[in-house]
Protein backbone atom coordinates (compact mmCIF):
# COMPACT_ATOMS: atom_id res chain seq x y z
CA UNK A 1 -8.27 34.97 23.82
CA UNK A 2 -5.61 32.70 25.24
CA UNK A 3 -7.56 33.59 28.25
CA UNK A 4 -11.19 33.29 26.65
CA UNK A 5 -10.18 29.87 26.08
CA UNK A 6 -8.58 29.34 29.80
CA UNK A 7 -12.11 30.75 31.24
CA UNK A 8 -14.17 27.64 28.82
CA UNK A 9 -11.52 25.32 29.66
CA UNK A 10 -12.06 25.83 33.45
CA UNK A 11 -15.59 25.95 32.89
CA UNK A 12 -15.22 22.70 31.17
CA UNK A 13 -14.11 20.88 33.57
CA UNK A 14 -15.82 22.59 36.76
CA UNK A 15 -19.50 20.89 34.85
CA UNK A 16 -17.98 17.55 34.48
CA UNK A 17 -16.91 17.20 37.80
CA UNK A 18 -20.37 18.25 39.23
CA UNK A 19 -21.98 16.12 36.43
CA UNK A 20 -18.89 13.17 37.90
CA UNK A 21 -21.16 10.73 39.30
CA UNK A 22 -25.16 10.91 37.78
CA UNK A 23 -26.81 9.64 34.99
CA UNK A 24 -29.87 10.86 33.92
CA UNK A 25 -33.12 8.67 33.77
CA UNK A 26 -35.78 8.32 30.96
CA UNK A 27 -37.95 11.30 32.87
CA UNK A 28 -34.89 13.99 33.54
CA UNK A 29 -34.06 13.12 36.48
CA UNK A 30 -30.54 12.72 38.27
CA UNK A 31 -29.96 9.31 39.81
CA UNK A 32 -26.91 7.24 41.49
CA UNK A 33 -24.55 6.51 38.63
CA UNK A 34 -23.93 2.65 38.05
CA UNK A 35 -20.76 2.93 35.83
CA UNK A 36 -17.22 3.32 36.51
CA UNK A 37 -17.50 5.49 39.11
CA UNK A 38 -16.54 5.31 42.54
CA UNK A 39 -18.05 3.29 44.97
CA UNK A 40 -19.41 2.45 48.78
CA UNK A 41 -20.91 0.20 50.44
CA UNK A 42 -22.22 -0.57 52.98
CA UNK A 43 -22.07 -3.96 55.16
CA UNK A 44 -25.06 -4.78 57.61
CA UNK A 45 -24.30 -7.47 59.99
CA UNK A 46 -26.16 -9.85 62.36
CA UNK A 47 -23.60 -9.68 65.18
CA UNK A 48 -20.30 -8.27 65.42
CA UNK A 49 -16.78 -10.58 65.29
CA UNK A 50 -17.40 -11.89 68.52
CA UNK A 51 -19.81 -14.62 66.34
CA UNK A 52 -17.76 -16.25 63.75
CA UNK A 53 -20.07 -15.96 61.64
CA UNK A 54 -20.63 -12.37 61.30
CA UNK A 55 -16.01 -12.43 61.77
CA UNK A 56 -16.13 -14.33 58.24
CA UNK A 57 -18.01 -11.53 56.43
CA UNK A 58 -16.13 -8.40 58.50
CA UNK A 59 -12.63 -9.82 57.63
CA UNK A 60 -13.84 -10.52 53.72
CA UNK A 61 -15.64 -7.17 53.09
CA UNK A 62 -12.02 -5.85 54.30
CA UNK A 63 -10.19 -7.70 52.37
CA UNK A 64 -12.13 -6.91 49.36
CA UNK A 65 -12.93 -3.54 49.81
CA UNK A 66 -8.66 -3.30 50.67
CA UNK A 67 -8.00 -4.63 47.36
CA UNK A 68 -9.95 -2.26 45.52
CA UNK A 69 -9.65 0.94 47.14
CA UNK A 70 -13.50 1.24 47.95
CA UNK A 71 -14.62 2.92 50.81
CA UNK A 72 -17.16 0.80 53.16
CA UNK A 73 -18.91 1.26 55.69
CA UNK A 74 -20.47 -0.94 58.96
CA UNK A 75 -22.67 -1.29 60.62
CA UNK A 76 -23.05 -4.62 63.34
CA UNK A 77 -24.97 -6.43 65.61
CA UNK A 78 -28.03 -5.34 63.43
CA UNK A 79 -31.10 -7.89 64.43
CA UNK A 80 -33.80 -9.60 61.86
CA UNK A 81 -36.13 -6.87 61.69
CA UNK A 82 -36.96 -3.74 61.00
CA UNK A 83 -34.03 -2.25 62.30
CA UNK A 84 -32.28 -3.13 59.55
CA UNK A 85 -34.20 -1.73 56.69
CA UNK A 86 -33.82 1.23 58.54
CA UNK A 87 -29.67 0.87 59.05
CA UNK A 88 -30.19 0.50 54.90
CA UNK A 89 -31.98 4.31 54.85
CA UNK A 90 -29.02 5.38 56.67
CA UNK A 91 -25.77 4.05 54.99
CA UNK A 92 -27.79 5.24 51.97
CA UNK A 93 -28.54 8.37 53.14
CA UNK A 94 -23.85 8.12 54.20
CA UNK A 95 -23.51 7.93 50.10
CA UNK A 96 -23.59 3.58 49.40
CA UNK A 97 -24.85 2.33 46.27
CA UNK A 98 -24.30 -1.17 47.25
CA UNK A 99 -25.47 -2.57 50.41
CA UNK A 100 -25.18 -5.92 52.04
CA UNK A 101 -26.69 -7.79 54.67
CA UNK A 102 -25.00 -11.20 56.00
CA UNK A 103 -28.25 -13.12 57.15
CA UNK A 104 -31.28 -15.35 56.49
CA UNK A 105 -33.67 -13.12 58.32
CA UNK A 106 -32.46 -9.67 56.57
CA UNK A 107 -33.99 -10.96 53.34
CA UNK A 108 -37.55 -8.69 53.54
CA UNK A 109 -36.19 -5.73 55.10
CA UNK A 110 -33.84 -5.38 52.00
CA UNK A 111 -35.95 -6.41 49.81
CA UNK A 112 -38.64 -3.42 51.45
CA UNK A 113 -35.18 -1.17 50.98
CA UNK A 114 -34.74 -2.38 47.40
CA UNK A 115 -38.00 -1.22 46.39
CA UNK A 116 -38.33 2.23 47.67
CA UNK A 117 -33.99 3.19 46.32
CA UNK A 118 -33.71 1.62 43.01
CA UNK A 119 -31.29 3.71 42.23
CA UNK A 120 -29.18 1.74 44.99
CA UNK A 121 -27.97 -2.19 44.67
CA UNK A 122 -28.82 -4.90 47.52
CA UNK A 123 -27.08 -7.77 47.80
CA UNK A 124 -27.53 -10.42 50.64
CA UNK A 125 -26.34 -14.36 51.61
CA UNK A 126 -28.48 -17.81 52.32
CA UNK A 127 -32.00 -15.76 50.51
CA UNK A 128 -33.52 -17.55 48.72
CA UNK A 129 -36.32 -14.93 46.87
CA UNK A 130 -34.53 -12.56 44.51
CA UNK A 131 -35.72 -15.05 41.53
CA UNK A 132 -39.03 -14.24 42.01
CA UNK A 133 -39.43 -10.92 44.08
CA UNK A 134 -37.96 -9.97 39.52
CA UNK A 135 -36.15 -6.47 41.65
CA UNK A 136 -33.49 -5.61 39.40
CA UNK A 137 -31.63 -4.43 42.37
CA UNK A 138 -31.90 -6.98 44.35
CA UNK A 139 -30.00 -9.72 44.28
CA UNK A 140 -29.13 -13.89 46.71
CA UNK A 141 -25.83 -14.80 46.74
CA UNK A 142 -24.24 -18.01 49.11
CA UNK A 143 -21.77 -21.00 48.13
CA UNK A 144 -21.47 -24.51 47.28
CA UNK A 145 -20.82 -24.95 51.36
CA UNK A 146 -22.10 -28.35 51.35
CA UNK A 147 -19.06 -29.35 49.11
CA UNK A 148 -16.61 -27.69 52.25
CA UNK A 149 -18.63 -30.00 54.39
CA UNK A 150 -18.45 -32.94 52.95
CA UNK A 151 -14.42 -32.35 52.89
CA UNK A 152 -14.17 -31.67 56.48
CA UNK A 153 -16.74 -34.37 56.85
CA UNK A 154 -13.74 -36.64 55.59
CA UNK A 155 -11.65 -35.77 58.06
CA UNK A 156 -13.96 -36.31 60.40
CA UNK A 157 -14.21 -39.83 59.34
CA UNK A 158 -10.02 -40.46 58.90
CA UNK A 159 -10.11 -39.54 62.84
CA UNK A 160 -13.05 -41.59 63.40
CA UNK A 161 -11.21 -44.26 61.68
CA UNK A 162 -7.50 -43.16 63.76
CA UNK A 163 -9.67 -44.11 67.35
CA UNK A 164 -11.30 -46.92 66.33
CA UNK A 165 -7.52 -48.88 65.28
CA UNK A 166 -6.82 -47.19 68.44
CA UNK A 167 -8.81 -48.89 69.81
CA UNK A 168 -10.85 -46.80 71.54
CA UNK A 169 -14.69 -47.61 70.65
CA UNK A 170 -15.46 -50.20 67.60
CA UNK A 171 -16.50 -49.36 64.97
CA UNK A 172 -20.60 -49.70 65.25
CA UNK A 173 -19.94 -47.17 68.23
CA UNK A 174 -18.30 -44.05 66.29
CA UNK A 175 -21.02 -41.50 66.81
CA UNK A 176 -20.78 -38.49 65.79
CA UNK A 177 -22.56 -35.12 67.13
CA UNK A 178 -23.90 -31.86 65.55
CA UNK A 179 -24.46 -28.70 67.24
CA UNK A 180 -27.25 -27.11 64.63
CA UNK A 181 -29.23 -23.69 65.26
CA UNK A 182 -32.81 -24.36 63.01
CA UNK A 183 -34.03 -27.08 60.63
CA UNK A 184 -33.46 -24.52 57.97
CA UNK A 185 -32.35 -26.59 54.84
CA UNK A 186 -29.16 -24.36 55.05
CA UNK A 187 -28.67 -26.51 58.38
CA UNK A 188 -29.52 -29.83 57.21
CA UNK A 189 -27.71 -29.48 53.47
CA UNK A 190 -24.85 -28.66 56.02
CA UNK A 191 -24.98 -31.75 58.51
CA UNK A 192 -26.20 -34.48 55.83
CA UNK A 193 -23.28 -33.25 53.54
CA UNK A 194 -20.70 -33.37 56.40
CA UNK A 195 -21.68 -36.23 57.27
CA UNK A 196 -21.79 -38.15 53.76
CA UNK A 197 -18.46 -36.65 53.25
CA UNK A 198 -17.25 -38.91 57.36
CA UNK A 199 -19.73 -42.36 55.64
CA UNK A 200 -17.22 -42.26 52.84
CA UNK A 201 -14.50 -43.28 54.67
CA UNK A 202 -15.49 -44.37 57.73
CA UNK A 203 -18.76 -46.43 56.68
CA UNK A 204 -20.84 -47.41 60.14
CA UNK A 205 -20.81 -43.23 61.40
CA UNK A 206 -23.98 -42.30 62.89
CA UNK A 207 -24.59 -38.55 63.70
CA UNK A 208 -26.65 -37.35 66.53
CA UNK A 209 -28.28 -33.38 65.87
CA UNK A 210 -29.03 -30.98 69.03
CA UNK A 211 -30.98 -27.80 67.24
CA UNK A 212 -30.19 -24.47 69.49
CA UNK A 213 -33.24 -22.23 67.95
CA UNK A 214 -29.96 -19.26 67.91
CA UNK A 215 -27.90 -18.46 65.25
CA UNK A 216 -25.03 -17.36 67.94
CA UNK A 217 -26.00 -18.92 71.99
CA UNK A 218 -22.62 -19.75 73.36
CA UNK A 219 -24.13 -20.90 75.90
CA UNK A 220 -27.12 -22.95 74.35
CA UNK A 221 -24.60 -24.48 71.56
CA UNK A 222 -22.40 -25.42 74.70
CA UNK A 223 -24.75 -27.22 76.60
CA UNK A 224 -26.13 -28.48 73.53
CA UNK A 225 -22.17 -30.20 72.78
CA UNK A 226 -21.97 -31.08 76.64
CA UNK A 227 -25.23 -32.94 75.51
CA UNK A 228 -24.09 -34.92 72.38
CA UNK A 229 -20.64 -35.86 74.35
CA UNK A 230 -22.14 -37.34 77.35
CA UNK A 231 -24.40 -38.87 74.87
CA UNK A 232 -22.02 -41.21 73.54
CA UNK A 233 -20.77 -38.47 71.01
CA UNK A 234 -17.01 -39.47 69.58
CA UNK A 235 -16.18 -36.47 67.62
CA UNK A 236 -18.73 -32.87 67.32
CA UNK A 237 -19.50 -30.05 64.48
CA UNK A 238 -21.30 -26.75 64.13
CA UNK A 239 -23.61 -24.95 62.63
CA UNK A 240 -23.68 -22.24 65.10
CA UNK A 241 -22.04 -19.10 65.41
CA UNK A 242 -20.10 -19.21 68.66
CA UNK A 243 -17.07 -20.67 70.25
CA UNK A 244 -19.85 -22.54 72.60
CA UNK A 245 -19.12 -25.85 71.22
CA UNK A 246 -15.49 -25.90 70.34
CA UNK A 247 -15.09 -25.01 73.81
CA UNK A 248 -17.40 -27.48 75.30
CA UNK A 249 -15.12 -30.44 73.60
CA UNK A 250 -11.05 -28.71 74.46
CA UNK A 251 -12.52 -29.33 78.08
CA UNK A 252 -14.05 -32.78 76.96
CA UNK A 253 -11.08 -33.90 75.18
CA UNK A 254 -13.51 -34.67 71.99
CA UNK A 255 -12.30 -34.11 68.46
CA UNK A 256 -14.38 -31.51 67.21
CA UNK A 257 -14.70 -29.57 63.33
CA UNK A 258 -15.53 -26.21 63.86
CA UNK A 259 -16.78 -23.44 61.17
CA UNK A 260 -16.32 -20.42 59.36
CA UNK A 261 -12.93 -20.02 60.51
CA UNK A 262 -10.25 -22.14 62.62
CA UNK A 263 -10.89 -22.17 66.38
CA UNK A 264 -7.31 -23.90 67.09
CA UNK A 265 -5.97 -21.13 69.43
CA UNK A 266 -8.85 -21.40 71.47
CA UNK A 267 -8.61 -25.54 71.45
CA UNK A 268 -5.66 -26.16 70.07
CA UNK A 269 -5.41 -30.41 71.39
CA UNK A 270 -8.85 -31.03 69.71
CA UNK A 271 -9.35 -28.60 66.30
CA UNK A 272 -9.08 -30.74 63.33
CA UNK A 273 -10.26 -28.34 60.87
CA UNK A 274 -12.79 -25.64 60.28
CA UNK A 275 -15.58 -24.90 56.30
CA UNK A 276 -15.88 -21.93 55.64
CA UNK A 277 -17.40 -19.37 52.70
CA UNK A 278 -15.03 -16.77 51.42
CA UNK A 279 -16.67 -13.87 50.73
CA UNK A 280 -13.82 -11.59 48.82
CA UNK A 281 -14.94 -13.21 46.01
CA UNK A 282 -18.58 -12.52 45.73
CA UNK A 283 -17.83 -8.57 46.93
CA UNK A 284 -15.19 -8.05 44.61
CA UNK A 285 -17.29 -10.22 42.14
CA UNK A 286 -20.54 -7.06 42.94
CA UNK A 287 -18.05 -4.25 43.51
CA UNK A 288 -16.71 -4.19 40.04
CA UNK A 289 -20.80 -4.56 38.30
CA UNK A 290 -21.04 -1.58 39.88
CA UNK A 291 -18.23 0.60 38.69
CA UNK A 292 -18.43 -1.53 35.51
CA UNK A 293 -22.41 -0.69 35.21
CA UNK A 294 -22.75 -4.63 34.41
CA UNK A 295 -25.75 -6.15 35.80
CA UNK A 296 -25.07 -7.65 39.23
CA UNK A 297 -26.44 -11.74 39.41
CA UNK A 298 -30.23 -12.40 40.55
CA UNK A 299 -28.62 -15.67 42.24
CA UNK A 300 -24.42 -16.16 42.34
CA UNK A 301 -22.65 -19.25 43.14
CA UNK A 302 -19.39 -19.58 44.52
CA UNK A 303 -17.81 -22.67 44.50
CA UNK A 304 -14.56 -24.47 45.34
CA UNK A 305 -13.29 -23.04 41.40
CA UNK A 306 -14.53 -20.07 42.18
CA UNK A 307 -11.84 -19.46 46.27
CA UNK A 308 -15.61 -19.32 47.98
CA UNK A 309 -14.99 -22.31 49.19
CA UNK A 310 -12.67 -22.89 51.57
CA UNK A 311 -10.98 -25.23 54.60
CA UNK A 312 -9.25 -23.94 57.06
CA UNK A 313 -5.22 -25.48 57.76
CA UNK A 314 -5.20 -28.25 59.74
CA UNK A 315 -4.86 -28.58 63.15
CA UNK A 316 -1.93 -29.44 64.45
CA UNK A 317 -2.36 -32.26 67.36
CA UNK A 318 -6.08 -33.69 66.34
CA UNK A 319 -6.17 -34.78 62.95
CA UNK A 320 -5.76 -38.22 61.92
CA UNK A 321 -2.35 -39.22 59.57
CA UNK A 322 -3.02 -38.75 56.21
CA UNK A 323 -5.99 -36.55 56.12
CA UNK A 324 -4.70 -34.28 53.50
CA UNK A 325 -4.43 -36.17 50.88
CA UNK A 326 -7.23 -37.94 51.58
CA UNK A 327 -9.86 -34.15 51.11
CA UNK A 328 -7.60 -33.68 48.46
CA UNK A 329 -8.33 -36.69 46.26
CA UNK A 330 -12.41 -36.12 46.75
CA UNK A 331 -11.17 -31.71 46.10
CA UNK A 332 -9.89 -32.76 42.71
CA UNK A 333 -13.14 -35.16 42.71
CA UNK A 334 -15.83 -32.57 43.80
CA UNK A 335 -13.92 -29.66 41.17
CA UNK A 336 -13.85 -32.63 37.51
CA UNK A 337 -17.48 -33.35 38.11
CA UNK A 338 -16.42 -37.35 39.14
CA UNK A 339 -18.28 -37.00 42.11
CA UNK A 340 -21.49 -35.65 43.84
CA UNK A 341 -21.85 -34.94 47.44
CA UNK A 342 -25.59 -35.75 46.87
CA UNK A 343 -25.34 -38.84 45.08
CA UNK A 344 -28.16 -41.05 45.22
CA UNK A 345 -27.71 -43.58 43.06
CA UNK A 346 -24.25 -44.76 45.30
CA UNK A 347 -25.03 -48.27 46.99
CA UNK A 348 -25.29 -47.74 50.91
CA UNK A 349 -25.28 -43.96 50.48
CA UNK A 350 -27.83 -41.97 50.54
CA UNK A 351 -31.47 -43.79 51.64
CA UNK A 352 -34.73 -42.41 53.26
CA UNK A 353 -36.52 -45.34 55.26
CA UNK A 354 -34.07 -48.09 54.09
CA UNK A 355 -35.19 -46.57 50.50
CA UNK A 356 -32.86 -45.23 47.20
CA UNK A 357 -34.36 -41.74 46.34
CA UNK A 358 -35.03 -41.57 42.88
CA UNK A 359 -37.33 -37.66 42.65
CA UNK A 360 -37.78 -35.64 44.52
CA UNK A 361 -39.78 -31.93 44.74
CA UNK A 362 -38.08 -29.00 47.17
CA UNK A 363 -38.41 -26.14 47.67
CA UNK A 364 -37.20 -23.47 45.31
CA UNK A 365 -39.48 -21.24 45.55
CA UNK A 366 -40.80 -19.14 49.17
CA UNK A 367 -43.93 -19.16 49.82
CA UNK A 368 -46.01 -18.80 52.30
CA UNK A 369 -47.18 -22.75 52.84
CA UNK A 370 -43.47 -24.01 52.26
CA UNK A 371 -45.18 -26.11 49.11
CA UNK A 372 -42.51 -28.24 47.09
CA UNK A 373 -42.00 -26.99 43.82
CA UNK A 374 -38.90 -28.24 42.28
CA UNK A 375 -37.65 -31.41 40.83
CA UNK A 376 -34.43 -31.96 42.21
CA UNK A 377 -33.14 -35.15 41.23
CA UNK A 378 -31.06 -35.18 38.00
CA UNK A 379 -28.48 -37.55 36.08
CA UNK A 380 -28.56 -39.40 39.03
CA UNK A 381 -27.57 -36.64 42.08
CA UNK A 382 -29.69 -34.12 43.94
CA UNK A 383 -28.40 -31.03 42.10
CA UNK A 384 -28.10 -28.38 45.09
CA UNK A 385 -28.19 -24.84 44.81
CA UNK A 386 -28.80 -25.05 40.47
CA UNK A 387 -32.09 -24.13 40.69
CA UNK A 388 -31.09 -20.71 43.23
CA UNK A 389 -28.08 -19.63 45.31
CA UNK A 390 -29.45 -20.49 49.06
CA UNK A 391 -29.15 -24.48 49.43
CA UNK A 392 -33.13 -26.26 49.58
CA UNK A 393 -32.07 -30.23 50.63
CA UNK A 394 -33.67 -30.78 53.79
CA UNK A 395 -34.74 -34.16 53.72
CA UNK A 396 -33.73 -36.12 56.88
CA UNK A 397 -31.72 -39.22 55.38
CA UNK A 398 -31.25 -42.14 57.57
CA UNK A 399 -27.76 -42.47 59.82
CA UNK A 400 -28.81 -39.33 61.07
CA UNK A 401 -30.60 -38.73 64.65
CA UNK A 402 -32.33 -35.40 65.66
CA UNK A 403 -32.89 -34.82 69.17
CA UNK A 404 -35.14 -31.91 69.03
CA UNK A 405 -36.75 -30.67 66.14
CA UNK A 406 -39.06 -27.84 67.11
CA UNK A 407 -36.72 -24.73 65.64
């Protein structure tokens, strides 16, 4: 009898082991189990660790997966075309039940894959279509990085003030330069919030923006920064992914605010600070949702409070005295809701052709004609990243001049 019982227990254990990781749907078919199970994540990156943008994602992915003991597979240098769909399919063939892609142009190919592989969760950074596609397994994520850029802008404004007080130029000559990739709302929102942060402490500041037409082109970014410097810009920042602009600043001795990570090692004399999105909190969130069988938010927006919006440590040489204290003061106000980056009621702060804003229809629900569809001004401020996670602030405000706009 004991032998029979022992054999029975072995059979039960074998059956349980075989069934682990599967569930049966309404049609009796077995699909991937999305509750309390081993998860394997596949990551798709536009570039590799040589891009500050992608390195930021790569680092966060490795940190989150190591912390949770999760296996992850990575595909780098995946362009914004059908290669993304193919990469997703290959990762699924390798056993991944969550796929994450990090670039705006990956979105349509992620959606294509999500429609085909319905038992896999697809998460995408900077995308705009999850809230209108209506797919249970497709999700967008971003963060309120405009708040981080605003704080970095304060550091820039403090540096301008220091240089003005030192007699290096007058207040009227306090002009910054900004290297942008494309004329997308994400970039516009970023450079506008950076400018407003600087303006909050240096009211006379103006800014010029030069676009490159590429997320990662070291030569073009260096040339753009050099042009801005030759135009009289006293400080440079960027929304582009190489060391091109910071290296041009180091060569010229021009202070620099970078993005997605510190460039102090490469630019020890000119680096001030960098803002970045820390993606680890989101990666941990999406993994735990799948492990626990919970739905992932259609649009997830990380904040200062979630640890998703960060500034690097200040540089050792370039920052002005009192910068850390000024940033901390503004950070507390942002977290408390007493300060809003896009406050349209504040005098001499945000105007368009000399006029205050009272209403603005933003393009939130993406369509082929990019129609304006959603009122974005609420309670006296432009309510960025509330209607969807990806930015939709695309206004051209006074004080900022675009040197080109074809991208």
